Protein backbone atom coordinates (compact mmCIF):
# COMPACT_ATOMS: atom_id res chain seq x y z
CA MET A 1 9.12 -6.98 -23.12
CA ILE A 2 6.89 -9.96 -23.23
CA ASP A 3 3.90 -10.08 -25.63
CA PRO A 4 0.63 -9.69 -23.52
CA LYS A 5 -0.85 -12.96 -24.93
CA THR A 6 2.36 -14.96 -24.24
CA LEU A 7 2.48 -13.61 -20.70
CA ALA A 8 -1.29 -14.15 -20.03
CA ALA A 9 -0.80 -17.80 -20.89
CA ARG A 10 1.38 -18.24 -17.87
CA PHE A 11 -1.43 -17.23 -15.49
CA PRO A 12 -4.41 -19.31 -14.29
CA GLY A 13 -7.91 -18.25 -15.49
CA ASP A 14 -8.95 -17.15 -12.10
CA PHE A 15 -6.06 -14.74 -11.52
CA THR A 16 -7.19 -11.21 -10.77
CA PHE A 17 -5.60 -8.24 -12.63
CA GLY A 18 -6.35 -4.84 -11.25
CA VAL A 19 -5.22 -1.27 -10.77
CA ALA A 20 -4.63 0.62 -7.42
CA THR A 21 -4.92 4.13 -5.99
CA ALA A 22 -5.17 5.74 -2.59
CA ALA A 23 -7.71 8.45 -1.50
CA PHE A 24 -5.33 11.33 -0.46
CA GLN A 25 -3.32 10.87 -3.61
CA ILE A 26 -6.12 11.22 -6.07
CA GLU A 27 -9.33 12.56 -4.52
CA GLY A 28 -8.68 16.34 -3.96
CA ALA A 29 -11.80 18.08 -2.76
CA SER A 30 -10.05 18.37 0.59
CA LYS A 31 -12.69 20.60 2.13
CA ALA A 32 -15.78 19.18 0.40
CA ASP A 33 -18.83 17.72 1.94
CA GLY A 34 -17.67 17.80 5.57
CA ARG A 35 -14.08 16.41 5.16
CA LYS A 36 -11.63 17.77 7.77
CA PRO A 37 -7.92 17.84 7.55
CA SER A 38 -5.65 14.87 7.93
CA ILE A 39 -2.08 14.74 9.08
CA TRP A 40 -1.01 14.91 5.52
CA ASP A 41 -2.90 18.15 4.93
CA ALA A 42 -0.91 19.64 7.83
CA PHE A 43 2.38 18.02 6.65
CA CYS A 44 2.03 19.54 3.24
CA ASN A 45 1.68 22.98 4.74
CA MET A 46 5.01 22.63 6.71
CA PRO A 47 8.01 24.24 4.89
CA GLY A 48 10.46 21.69 3.58
CA ARG A 49 8.37 18.58 3.97
CA VAL A 50 6.85 18.11 0.48
CA PHE A 51 8.52 18.97 -2.85
CA ASN A 52 7.36 22.34 -4.12
CA ARG A 53 4.91 22.59 -1.15
CA ASP A 54 2.48 20.53 -3.25
CA ASN A 55 -0.58 19.32 -1.47
CA GLY A 56 -3.62 17.13 -1.97
CA ASP A 57 -6.27 19.93 -2.26
CA VAL A 58 -6.98 19.07 -5.92
CA ALA A 59 -4.71 16.15 -6.80
CA CYS A 60 -6.42 14.22 -9.67
CA ASP A 61 -9.82 15.72 -8.71
CA HIS A 62 -11.22 12.20 -8.57
CA TYR A 63 -13.80 13.20 -6.04
CA ASN A 64 -15.47 15.31 -8.76
CA ARG A 65 -14.58 12.99 -11.70
CA LEU A 66 -15.69 9.67 -10.15
CA ASP A 67 -17.72 8.30 -13.00
CA GLN A 68 -15.16 9.44 -15.60
CA ASP A 69 -12.40 7.64 -13.70
CA LEU A 70 -14.56 4.39 -13.20
CA ASP A 71 -15.34 4.49 -16.96
CA LEU A 72 -11.56 4.61 -17.57
CA ILE A 73 -10.91 1.59 -15.34
CA LYS A 74 -13.74 -0.23 -17.28
CA SER A 75 -12.33 0.68 -20.58
CA MET A 76 -8.97 -0.79 -19.57
CA GLY A 77 -10.62 -4.11 -19.10
CA VAL A 78 -9.16 -4.92 -15.61
CA GLU A 79 -11.18 -7.03 -13.21
CA ALA A 80 -10.64 -5.14 -9.93
CA TYR A 81 -9.95 -1.69 -8.43
CA ARG A 82 -8.02 -1.32 -5.19
CA PHE A 83 -8.82 2.05 -3.54
CA SER A 84 -8.61 3.47 -0.07
CA ILE A 85 -11.30 5.08 2.08
CA ALA A 86 -10.50 8.46 3.69
CA TRP A 87 -11.08 8.42 7.49
CA PRO A 88 -11.34 12.28 7.52
CA ARG A 89 -14.37 11.97 5.34
CA ILE A 90 -16.12 9.33 7.36
CA ILE A 91 -15.39 10.48 10.98
CA PRO A 92 -13.79 13.86 10.36
CA ASP A 93 -12.53 14.38 13.94
CA GLY A 94 -11.34 10.78 14.18
CA THR A 95 -13.84 10.28 16.89
CA GLY A 96 -17.27 11.81 17.34
CA PRO A 97 -20.03 12.32 14.67
CA VAL A 98 -20.14 10.23 11.46
CA ASN A 99 -20.25 12.30 8.23
CA GLU A 100 -23.06 10.91 6.02
CA ALA A 101 -21.81 12.88 3.00
CA GLY A 102 -18.50 11.09 3.23
CA LEU A 103 -20.14 7.61 3.33
CA ASP A 104 -22.30 8.77 0.36
CA PHE A 105 -19.22 9.26 -1.80
CA TYR A 106 -17.97 5.73 -1.23
CA ASP A 107 -21.45 4.34 -1.70
CA ARG A 108 -21.36 5.88 -5.23
CA LEU A 109 -17.85 4.60 -5.75
CA VAL A 110 -18.68 0.97 -4.83
CA ASP A 111 -21.95 1.00 -6.65
CA GLY A 112 -20.37 2.54 -9.64
CA CYS A 113 -17.83 -0.35 -9.72
CA LYS A 114 -20.54 -2.89 -9.35
CA ALA A 115 -22.54 -1.36 -12.19
CA ARG A 116 -19.48 -1.62 -14.42
CA GLY A 117 -18.60 -5.13 -13.34
CA ILE A 118 -15.46 -4.07 -11.45
CA LYS A 119 -14.55 -5.94 -8.25
CA THR A 120 -13.87 -3.71 -5.24
CA PHE A 121 -10.75 -4.06 -2.97
CA ALA A 122 -11.00 -1.48 -0.34
CA THR A 123 -8.28 -0.34 2.05
CA LEU A 124 -9.46 1.24 5.29
CA TYR A 125 -6.31 3.25 6.12
CA HIS A 126 -3.77 4.60 3.63
CA TRP A 127 -2.06 7.17 5.79
CA ASP A 128 -4.64 10.03 6.08
CA LEU A 129 -5.13 10.03 9.89
CA PRO A 130 -7.64 12.72 11.00
CA LEU A 131 -5.65 15.62 12.20
CA LEU A 132 -7.46 16.02 15.54
CA LEU A 133 -6.21 12.55 16.57
CA ALA A 134 -2.62 13.73 16.11
CA GLY A 135 -3.28 16.19 18.91
CA ASP A 136 -3.91 13.20 21.18
CA GLY A 137 -0.69 11.53 20.12
CA GLY A 138 -1.80 9.92 16.84
CA TRP A 139 -0.49 6.42 16.40
CA THR A 140 1.73 6.91 19.57
CA ALA A 141 -1.49 6.83 21.53
CA ARG A 142 -3.26 3.52 22.31
CA SER A 143 -6.60 5.31 22.09
CA THR A 144 -6.01 5.63 18.26
CA ALA A 145 -6.36 1.89 17.92
CA TYR A 146 -9.89 1.99 19.40
CA ALA A 147 -10.86 5.06 17.23
CA PHE A 148 -9.75 3.03 14.20
CA GLN A 149 -11.98 0.04 15.32
CA ARG A 150 -14.99 2.34 15.42
CA TYR A 151 -14.19 3.75 12.06
CA ALA A 152 -13.69 0.28 10.60
CA LYS A 153 -17.11 -0.78 12.03
CA THR A 154 -18.77 2.33 10.54
CA VAL A 155 -17.41 1.77 7.07
CA MET A 156 -18.21 -1.91 6.97
CA ALA A 157 -21.74 -1.43 8.32
CA ARG A 158 -22.38 0.85 5.34
CA LEU A 159 -20.31 -0.76 2.55
CA GLY A 160 -19.73 -4.32 3.73
CA ASP A 161 -22.53 -5.92 1.73
CA ARG A 162 -20.97 -4.75 -1.56
CA LEU A 163 -17.19 -5.08 -0.99
CA ASP A 164 -15.36 -7.99 -2.61
CA SER A 165 -12.41 -7.70 -0.28
CA VAL A 166 -10.96 -5.43 2.49
CA ALA A 167 -7.62 -4.51 3.97
CA THR A 168 -7.24 -2.91 7.36
CA PHE A 169 -3.90 -0.99 6.65
CA ASN A 170 -1.61 -0.09 3.80
CA GLU A 171 2.21 -0.46 4.45
CA PRO A 172 2.67 -0.51 8.25
CA TRP A 173 6.38 -0.02 7.60
CA CYS A 174 5.63 3.52 6.20
CA ILE A 175 3.09 4.28 8.98
CA VAL A 176 5.62 3.45 11.60
CA TRP A 177 9.37 3.81 10.53
CA LEU A 178 9.09 6.25 7.57
CA SER A 179 6.67 8.49 9.45
CA HIS A 180 7.89 8.19 13.14
CA LEU A 181 11.58 7.31 12.90
CA TYR A 182 12.88 8.61 9.61
CA GLY A 183 10.61 11.66 9.56
CA ILE A 184 10.02 11.53 5.84
CA HIS A 185 6.25 11.06 5.92
CA ALA A 186 3.61 12.71 8.16
CA PRO A 187 3.67 13.37 11.04
CA GLY A 188 7.46 13.69 10.48
CA GLU A 189 8.87 12.46 13.74
CA ARG A 190 12.34 11.16 14.31
CA ASN A 191 12.09 9.34 17.62
CA MET A 192 12.48 5.57 18.11
CA GLN A 193 10.39 5.40 21.15
CA ALA A 194 7.53 7.22 19.28
CA ALA A 195 7.97 4.75 16.37
CA LEU A 196 7.92 1.75 18.65
CA HIS A 197 4.64 3.01 20.28
CA ALA A 198 3.19 3.70 16.88
CA MET A 199 4.14 0.13 15.79
CA HIS A 200 2.34 -1.68 18.56
CA HIS A 201 -0.78 0.54 18.45
CA MET A 202 -1.04 0.07 14.73
CA ASN A 203 -0.57 -3.63 15.02
CA LEU A 204 -3.35 -3.57 17.72
CA ALA A 205 -5.52 -1.40 15.52
CA HIS A 206 -5.16 -3.99 12.73
CA GLY A 207 -6.40 -6.73 15.03
CA LEU A 208 -9.30 -4.59 16.40
CA GLY A 209 -10.12 -3.72 12.80
CA VAL A 210 -10.25 -7.38 11.82
CA GLU A 211 -12.77 -8.05 14.63
CA ALA A 212 -14.86 -5.05 13.57
CA ILE A 213 -14.89 -6.08 9.90
CA ARG A 214 -15.87 -9.60 10.64
CA ALA A 215 -18.62 -8.50 13.10
CA GLU A 216 -20.13 -6.33 10.44
CA ALA A 217 -19.42 -8.18 7.22
CA PRO A 218 -18.53 -11.74 8.02
CA ASN A 219 -18.38 -12.87 4.33
CA VAL A 220 -15.90 -10.21 3.17
CA PRO A 221 -12.30 -11.59 2.85
CA VAL A 222 -10.03 -9.58 5.14
CA GLY A 223 -6.31 -8.90 4.62
CA LEU A 224 -3.37 -6.65 5.45
CA VAL A 225 -1.08 -4.91 2.93
CA LEU A 226 2.53 -4.98 3.81
CA ASN A 227 5.49 -3.50 1.95
CA ALA A 228 7.71 -6.27 3.07
CA MET A 229 11.31 -5.55 2.43
CA SER A 230 13.17 -7.95 0.16
CA VAL A 231 16.27 -8.02 2.33
CA MET A 232 19.41 -9.00 0.42
CA PRO A 233 22.72 -9.24 2.27
CA GLY A 234 25.66 -7.67 0.46
CA SER A 235 27.72 -10.81 0.85
CA ASP A 236 27.46 -14.28 2.29
CA SER A 237 29.82 -13.42 5.11
CA ALA A 238 28.62 -14.41 8.59
CA ALA A 239 28.47 -10.72 9.50
CA ASP A 240 26.39 -9.59 6.50
CA MET A 241 24.08 -12.66 6.91
CA ALA A 242 23.45 -11.78 10.48
CA ALA A 243 22.81 -8.12 9.44
CA GLY A 244 20.30 -9.44 6.92
CA GLU A 245 18.44 -11.36 9.72
CA ARG A 246 18.38 -8.26 11.89
CA ALA A 247 17.13 -6.20 8.99
CA HIS A 248 14.33 -8.73 8.47
CA GLN A 249 13.23 -8.48 12.10
CA PHE A 250 13.27 -4.76 12.15
CA HIS A 251 11.64 -3.97 8.71
CA ASN A 252 9.39 -7.09 8.35
CA GLY A 253 9.23 -9.01 11.62
CA ALA A 254 7.96 -6.02 13.58
CA PHE A 255 4.74 -6.56 11.75
CA PHE A 256 4.68 -10.13 10.41
CA ASP A 257 5.59 -11.71 13.77
CA PRO A 258 2.77 -10.32 15.80
CA VAL A 259 0.22 -10.70 13.04
CA PHE A 260 1.12 -14.19 11.86
CA LYS A 261 2.87 -15.72 15.05
CA GLY A 262 1.39 -13.71 17.97
CA GLU A 263 4.85 -12.42 19.17
CA TYR A 264 7.48 -9.82 18.52
CA PRO A 265 10.93 -10.94 17.10
CA LYS A 266 13.50 -11.98 19.74
CA GLU A 267 16.54 -9.89 18.86
CA PHE A 268 14.26 -6.91 18.15
CA LEU A 269 12.72 -7.16 21.59
CA GLU A 270 16.17 -7.60 23.27
CA ALA A 271 17.42 -4.42 21.60
CA LEU A 272 14.32 -2.18 21.67
CA GLY A 273 11.81 -3.68 24.20
CA GLU A 274 12.58 -1.27 26.95
CA ARG A 275 11.31 1.60 24.69
CA MET A 276 8.13 -0.18 23.60
CA PRO A 277 4.72 0.64 25.15
CA VAL A 278 3.09 -1.87 27.55
CA VAL A 279 1.89 -4.79 25.64
CA GLU A 280 -1.26 -5.51 27.53
CA GLU A 281 -2.59 -8.99 28.21
CA GLY A 282 -4.60 -10.05 25.23
CA ASP A 283 -3.05 -7.67 22.76
CA LEU A 284 -1.02 -10.19 20.90
CA LYS A 285 -4.10 -12.51 20.64
CA ILE A 286 -6.11 -9.80 19.08
CA ILE A 287 -3.26 -8.94 16.64
CA ASN A 288 -2.71 -12.59 15.72
CA GLN A 289 -6.02 -13.39 13.99
CA LYS A 290 -6.21 -15.62 10.94
CA LEU A 291 -6.39 -13.53 7.77
CA ASP A 292 -8.05 -14.57 4.56
CA TRP A 293 -5.19 -13.04 2.46
CA TRP A 294 -2.25 -10.75 2.64
CA GLY A 295 -1.03 -8.13 0.14
CA LEU A 296 2.58 -7.54 -0.85
CA ASN A 297 3.76 -4.10 -2.22
CA TYR A 298 7.12 -4.57 -4.01
CA TYR A 299 9.14 -2.04 -5.91
CA THR A 300 12.84 -2.59 -5.17
CA PRO A 301 15.08 -4.74 -2.93
CA LEU A 302 16.72 -3.62 0.47
CA ARG A 303 20.44 -4.40 0.19
CA VAL A 304 22.12 -4.45 3.54
CA ALA A 305 25.58 -5.03 5.08
CA ASP A 306 26.78 -5.26 8.62
CA ASP A 307 27.72 -2.07 10.42
CA PRO A 308 30.68 -3.19 12.51
CA ALA A 309 30.58 0.07 14.45
CA LYS A 310 27.02 -0.69 15.57
CA ASN A 311 26.13 2.95 15.27
CA GLY A 312 22.70 4.15 16.55
CA ASP A 313 19.92 1.76 17.02
CA PHE A 314 19.11 -1.83 15.90
CA PRO A 315 19.31 -3.24 13.31
CA TRP A 316 22.92 -1.94 12.84
CA THR A 317 23.12 -2.19 9.12
CA VAL A 318 24.47 -0.04 6.33
CA GLU A 319 23.44 0.05 2.62
CA ALA A 320 25.23 -2.56 0.42
CA PRO A 321 25.97 -1.91 -3.18
CA ARG A 322 23.32 -2.45 -5.84
CA VAL A 323 23.50 -5.36 -8.26
CA SER A 324 21.60 -3.72 -11.07
CA ASP A 325 22.44 -0.28 -12.46
CA VAL A 326 18.97 0.06 -13.90
CA LYS A 327 16.92 2.51 -11.76
CA THR A 328 13.61 4.30 -12.14
CA ASP A 329 13.24 8.11 -12.10
CA ILE A 330 12.75 8.08 -8.33
CA GLY A 331 16.13 6.36 -8.01
CA TRP A 332 14.97 2.87 -7.02
CA GLU A 333 16.83 -0.08 -8.33
CA VAL A 334 14.94 -2.27 -10.83
CA TYR A 335 15.47 -5.86 -9.71
CA ALA A 336 12.62 -8.38 -10.39
CA PRO A 337 14.35 -11.29 -8.60
CA GLY A 338 13.81 -9.31 -5.38
CA LEU A 339 10.11 -9.99 -5.67
CA LYS A 340 10.76 -13.78 -5.86
CA ASN A 341 13.21 -13.54 -3.02
CA VAL A 342 10.89 -11.86 -0.59
CA VAL A 343 7.90 -14.14 -1.31
CA GLU A 344 10.00 -17.22 -0.92
CA ASP A 345 11.55 -15.91 2.32
CA LEU A 346 8.23 -14.99 3.94
CA TYR A 347 6.45 -18.29 3.18
CA ARG A 348 9.51 -20.01 4.49
CA ARG A 349 9.26 -18.10 7.80
CA TYR A 350 5.44 -17.80 8.28
CA GLU A 351 2.27 -19.68 7.75
CA LEU A 352 0.79 -17.19 5.36
CA PRO A 353 -2.55 -17.27 3.55
CA GLU A 354 -2.98 -16.57 -0.23
CA CYS A 355 -1.18 -13.56 -1.57
CA TYR A 356 -2.11 -10.61 -3.82
CA ILE A 357 0.66 -8.35 -5.20
CA THR A 358 -1.28 -5.21 -4.07
CA GLU A 359 1.18 -2.70 -5.46
CA ASN A 360 3.91 -3.01 -8.04
CA GLY A 361 5.10 -0.41 -10.59
CA ALA A 362 7.65 2.06 -11.66
CA CYS A 363 8.19 5.88 -11.58
CA TYR A 364 9.06 7.32 -15.06
CA ASN A 365 8.21 10.93 -15.84
CA MET A 366 7.57 10.86 -19.61
CA ASP A 367 5.31 13.65 -20.97
CA VAL A 368 2.56 13.48 -23.49
CA VAL A 369 3.94 13.86 -27.10
CA ASN A 370 1.38 14.15 -29.94
CA GLY A 371 -1.22 12.64 -27.74
CA GLU A 372 0.94 9.60 -26.71
CA VAL A 373 3.11 8.72 -23.77
CA ASP A 374 5.91 6.37 -24.76
CA ASP A 375 6.94 4.86 -21.39
CA GLN A 376 8.67 1.82 -22.63
CA PRO A 377 10.81 1.46 -19.44
CA ARG A 378 7.62 1.17 -17.29
CA LEU A 379 6.21 -1.46 -19.71
CA ASP A 380 9.43 -3.40 -19.42
CA TYR A 381 9.25 -3.14 -15.62
CA TYR A 382 5.73 -4.60 -15.55
CA SER A 383 6.57 -7.28 -18.06
CA GLU A 384 9.62 -8.48 -16.03
CA HIS A 385 7.87 -8.39 -12.66
CA LEU A 386 4.66 -10.20 -13.87
CA ASP A 387 6.93 -12.90 -15.43
CA THR A 388 8.40 -13.20 -11.85
CA VAL A 389 4.88 -13.60 -10.42
CA ALA A 390 4.13 -16.25 -13.00
CA ASP A 391 7.31 -18.11 -11.89
CA LEU A 392 6.08 -17.99 -8.35
CA ILE A 393 2.78 -19.51 -9.34
CA LYS A 394 4.58 -22.32 -11.23
CA ASP A 395 6.60 -22.90 -8.06
CA GLY A 396 3.40 -23.44 -6.08
CA TYR A 397 3.08 -20.16 -4.25
CA PRO A 398 -0.65 -19.11 -3.81
CA MET A 399 -0.46 -15.86 -5.84
CA ARG A 400 -4.03 -14.81 -6.53
CA GLY A 401 -3.89 -11.42 -8.14
CA TYR A 402 -1.87 -8.36 -9.11
CA PHE A 403 -2.60 -4.69 -8.75
CA ALA A 404 -0.59 -2.17 -10.92
CA TRP A 405 0.49 0.98 -9.03
CA SER A 406 -0.97 3.06 -10.15
CA LEU A 407 -4.12 3.60 -12.26
CA MET A 408 -2.91 7.18 -12.84
CA ASP A 409 -0.28 9.72 -11.93
CA ASN A 410 -1.05 11.26 -8.61
CA PHE A 411 0.32 13.00 -5.50
CA GLU A 412 3.43 11.04 -4.60
CA TRP A 413 3.61 11.97 -0.89
CA ALA A 414 6.86 13.86 -0.02
CA GLU A 415 7.78 13.94 -3.73
CA GLY A 416 4.68 15.95 -4.56
CA TYR A 417 3.53 15.71 -8.20
CA ARG A 418 6.99 15.47 -9.75
CA MET A 419 7.09 11.64 -9.61
CA ARG A 420 4.71 9.78 -11.94
CA PHE A 421 3.72 6.05 -11.36
CA GLY A 422 0.54 6.05 -13.48
CA LEU A 423 -0.53 3.73 -16.34
CA VAL A 424 -2.57 6.85 -17.20
CA HIS A 425 -0.91 10.39 -17.59
CA VAL A 426 -2.67 13.14 -15.66
CA ASP A 427 -2.16 16.80 -16.79
CA TYR A 428 -2.63 18.53 -13.44
CA GLU A 429 -3.49 21.85 -15.06
CA THR A 430 -6.36 20.46 -17.26
CA GLN A 431 -7.10 17.08 -15.53
CA VAL A 432 -6.93 15.41 -18.96
CA ARG A 433 -6.17 11.61 -18.65
CA THR A 434 -4.06 10.03 -21.39
CA LEU A 435 -3.51 6.29 -21.46
CA LYS A 436 0.22 5.61 -21.67
CA LYS A 437 1.91 2.80 -23.72
CA SER A 438 2.23 0.76 -20.53
CA GLY A 439 -1.49 1.21 -19.83
CA LYS A 440 -2.37 -0.07 -23.32
CA TRP A 441 -0.11 -3.14 -22.89
CA TYR A 442 -1.61 -3.84 -19.44
CA SER A 443 -5.10 -3.56 -20.86
CA GLU A 444 -4.27 -6.01 -23.48
CA LEU A 445 -2.96 -8.41 -20.93
CA ALA A 446 -6.16 -8.10 -18.90
CA ALA A 447 -8.25 -8.58 -21.99
CA GLN A 448 -6.91 -12.19 -22.30
CA PHE A 449 -8.96 -13.15 -19.22
CA PRO A 450 -12.61 -13.85 -20.06
CA LYS A 451 -13.88 -12.89 -16.54
CA GLY A 452 -12.56 -9.29 -16.83
CA ASN A 453 -15.25 -6.53 -16.81
CA HIS A 454 -14.85 -5.91 -20.61
CA LYS A 455 -16.85 -9.08 -21.23
CA SER A 456 -19.81 -8.07 -19.03
CA SER A 457 -21.03 -4.91 -21.02
């Protein structure tokens, strides 16, 4: 563990420290004030999809505890809050009438942040697609991209004058591959063609969303949050290196290439192009719009080796052995050099704007003992990864900020409530919040920066 003051000295004075959450994971109030179900509400009700049949009906009850939670963020002294907006609250059917009560909640959230001196980083889509759109094909349907454009326009018309930054999507990889190919997230499909349709339509929705955001709020910086894989070949053999390149094209290039180059990766297209939807004239131009920033969500590396049998579909890789035997409670390898690897690799491949680490954190499931949560392994994880971010800054990479995942324990998707990522412990029975040891450390780090909200009171 690095002392917070020592670590803070490695960052420039204008570096942003924040915390992050997502609407479905914390808000609860699933039927309040006109909200209608999302694909995740439906997914939670399907047997065997979510651990313990957990759901987001109550979660952290953030919807009803908004002021308390914003006070908590302020008390931690961080400068910025990254949150997502729930499409099912704003346009509950996906298309059709706008729900004013839903917009009112985010008005209160944004105004509450402003009143407390907290910068607002909004994400328009963090996986909670209105359920009615799923009936029309969800992301496999091109029409969903245009529905998203209208939703983005609606949100920005209302909130754009007060947002400090906005992202269109959180983690396209999860929306596409994890949800439509691997079947682990909603809607739970396992179909390559469906995934490829979802991929292009989500990329298109991103571009249409950027247009809508800039039309309504031209002064708000626009970005896209990507959980780019830190692809690490298992050996330096020609076969494994080629496997690493294919893995990059599949896991990263499917999104980075159209967004930052205006094309899909070559080998990817050769292998899978016949199952892609029609890429209409002008689509790639819409997708390939200059962004003000991009967000990287990093937790663990992706170690790959060549699959000589070439089983199944592209990218024909198998898992390579881990280098570190340290892992979190969710089973992910702890390997901070993977963060440096992926940033270096992506800036080598693409002309990228400035970067925020929009999520980074660790799952450790310690309980409250005598009013304290001693989560030293999480603290060590943050210390190690922030030191790596400081190394990247020293090497000249435009790293502008860092958001810890997460502000508090929450609904961890298919894992339900059993996996805890928070700097703050949540007792789901009582909704009591307890700042963990890691949260106190992170607060002390943020407090070293004079522009944090703790100075504005």
